[in-house]
Amino acid sequence: MKKIVFERDKCIGCGTCSVICPGFWEVGDDERAVLKEGVQNGDVFEKQVDDVECNIEASQSCPVQCIHINDN
């Protein structure tokens, strides 16, 4: 199992993640990314997944590198 870790406070709202991986990401009302069904854990949002799918590409495409894919 893998974990998506999203540092939302660093997000600049470019929306690349939501274009690349719309099943996991959307742009919120404040124009920053939202990890769908992500759980807030302190300053980050996390989501455990069996398959990271398009999130690796979303992570690599993020201009501020605020999306991380970790081993659980």
C-alpha atoms as a PDB file:
ATOM      1  CA  MET A   1       0.000   0.000   0.000  1.00  0.00           C
ATOM      2  CA  LYS A   2       1.141   3.539  -0.763  1.00  0.00           C
ATOM      3  CA  LYS A   3       0.298   6.892   0.770  1.00  0.00           C
ATOM      4  CA  ILE A   4      -0.305  10.151  -1.069  1.00  0.00           C
ATOM      5  CA  VAL A   5       0.872  13.058   1.073  1.00  0.00           C
ATOM      6  CA  PHE A   6      -0.193  16.554   0.033  1.00  0.00           C
ATOM      7  CA  GLU A   7       1.261  19.730   1.559  1.00  0.00           C
ATOM      8  CA  ARG A   8      -1.725  21.920   0.726  1.00  0.00           C
ATOM      9  CA  ASP A   9      -0.266  25.068   2.301  1.00  0.00           C
ATOM     10  CA  LYS A  10       2.489  25.017  -0.363  1.00  0.00           C
ATOM     11  CA  CYS A  11       0.036  24.632  -3.268  1.00  0.00           C
ATOM     12  CA  ILE A  12      -0.051  27.566  -5.724  1.00  0.00           C
ATOM     13  CA  GLY A  13      -3.226  26.383  -7.473  1.00  0.00           C
ATOM     14  CA  CYS A  14      -1.824  25.719 -10.936  1.00  0.00           C
ATOM     15  CA  GLY A  15      -4.323  22.841 -11.374  1.00  0.00           C
ATOM     16  CA  THR A  16      -1.926  20.491 -13.145  1.00  0.00           C
ATOM     17  CA  CYS A  17      -2.700  17.636 -10.753  1.00  0.00           C
ATOM     18  CA  SER A  18      -6.435  17.895 -11.422  1.00  0.00           C
ATOM     19  CA  VAL A  19      -5.866  17.787 -15.186  1.00  0.00           C
ATOM     20  CA  ILE A  20      -3.465  14.833 -15.031  1.00  0.00           C
ATOM     21  CA  CYS A  21      -5.300  12.846 -12.354  1.00  0.00           C
ATOM     22  CA  PRO A  22      -8.921  14.044 -12.011  1.00  0.00           C
ATOM     23  CA  GLY A  23      -9.984  10.913 -10.140  1.00  0.00           C
ATOM     24  CA  PHE A  24      -7.878  12.035  -7.177  1.00  0.00           C
ATOM     25  CA  TRP A  25      -7.564  15.815  -7.504  1.00  0.00           C
ATOM     26  CA  GLU A  26      -9.810  18.825  -7.971  1.00  0.00           C
ATOM     27  CA  VAL A  27      -9.457  22.570  -7.557  1.00  0.00           C
ATOM     28  CA  GLY A  28     -11.159  23.908  -4.433  1.00  0.00           C
ATOM     29  CA  ASP A  29     -13.124  27.099  -3.909  1.00  0.00           C
ATOM     30  CA  ASP A  30      -9.923  28.808  -2.751  1.00  0.00           C
ATOM     31  CA  GLU A  31      -8.287  27.870  -6.087  1.00  0.00           C
ATOM     32  CA  ARG A  32      -5.847  25.419  -4.482  1.00  0.00           C
ATOM     33  CA  ALA A  33      -5.805  21.698  -5.105  1.00  0.00           C
ATOM     34  CA  VAL A  34      -7.878  19.278  -3.049  1.00  0.00           C
ATOM     35  CA  LEU A  35      -6.956  15.612  -2.575  1.00  0.00           C
ATOM     36  CA  LYS A  36     -10.313  13.882  -2.921  1.00  0.00           C
ATOM     37  CA  GLU A  37     -11.131  11.906   0.232  1.00  0.00           C
ATOM     38  CA  GLY A  38      -7.824  13.007   1.755  1.00  0.00           C
ATOM     39  CA  VAL A  39      -7.594  13.006   5.538  1.00  0.00           C
ATOM     40  CA  GLN A  40      -5.971  15.965   7.263  1.00  0.00           C
ATOM     41  CA  ASN A  41      -3.054  14.992   9.469  1.00  0.00           C
ATOM     42  CA  GLY A  42      -1.500  18.099  10.948  1.00  0.00           C
ATOM     43  CA  ASP A  43      -0.336  20.338   8.114  1.00  0.00           C
ATOM     44  CA  VAL A  44      -0.780  17.732   5.377  1.00  0.00           C
ATOM     45  CA  PHE A  45      -3.554  15.732   3.761  1.00  0.00           C
ATOM     46  CA  GLU A  46      -3.047  11.993   3.292  1.00  0.00           C
ATOM     47  CA  LYS A  47      -4.745   9.194   1.427  1.00  0.00           C
ATOM     48  CA  GLN A  48      -3.781   5.525   1.465  1.00  0.00           C
ATOM     49  CA  VAL A  49      -4.151   3.760  -1.875  1.00  0.00           C
ATOM     50  CA  ASP A  50      -3.409   0.337  -3.303  1.00  0.00           C
ATOM     51  CA  ASP A  51      -2.572   1.762  -6.727  1.00  0.00           C
ATOM     52  CA  VAL A  52      -1.105   5.244  -7.119  1.00  0.00           C
ATOM     53  CA  GLU A  53      -2.350   5.354 -10.728  1.00  0.00           C
ATOM     54  CA  CYS A  54      -1.680   8.783 -12.255  1.00  0.00           C
ATOM     55  CA  ASN A  55      -0.478  10.340  -8.992  1.00  0.00           C
ATOM     56  CA  ILE A  56       3.191   9.762  -9.764  1.00  0.00           C
ATOM     57  CA  GLU A  57       2.848  11.896 -12.879  1.00  0.00           C
ATOM     58  CA  ALA A  58       0.840  14.487 -10.911  1.00  0.00           C
ATOM     59  CA  SER A  59       3.571  14.575  -8.271  1.00  0.00           C
ATOM     60  CA  GLN A  60       6.341  14.958 -10.836  1.00  0.00           C
ATOM     61  CA  SER A  61       4.415  17.689 -12.677  1.00  0.00           C
ATOM     62  CA  CYS A  62       3.697  19.816  -9.610  1.00  0.00           C
ATOM     63  CA  PRO A  63       5.782  23.010  -9.937  1.00  0.00           C
ATOM     64  CA  VAL A  64       6.167  23.369  -6.153  1.00  0.00           C
ATOM     65  CA  GLN A  65       6.572  19.635  -5.401  1.00  0.00           C
ATOM     66  CA  CYS A  66       3.886  19.523  -2.715  1.00  0.00           C
ATOM     67  CA  ILE A  67       2.561  16.056  -3.686  1.00  0.00           C
ATOM     68  CA  HIS A  68       4.508  13.061  -2.405  1.00  0.00           C
ATOM     69  CA  ILE A  69       4.037   9.323  -2.866  1.00  0.00           C
ATOM     70  CA  ASN A  70       5.351   7.344   0.114  1.00  0.00           C
ATOM     71  CA  ASP A  71       5.519   3.700   1.032  1.00  0.00           C
ATOM     72  CA  ASN A  72       3.162   3.055   3.888  1.00  0.00           C
END
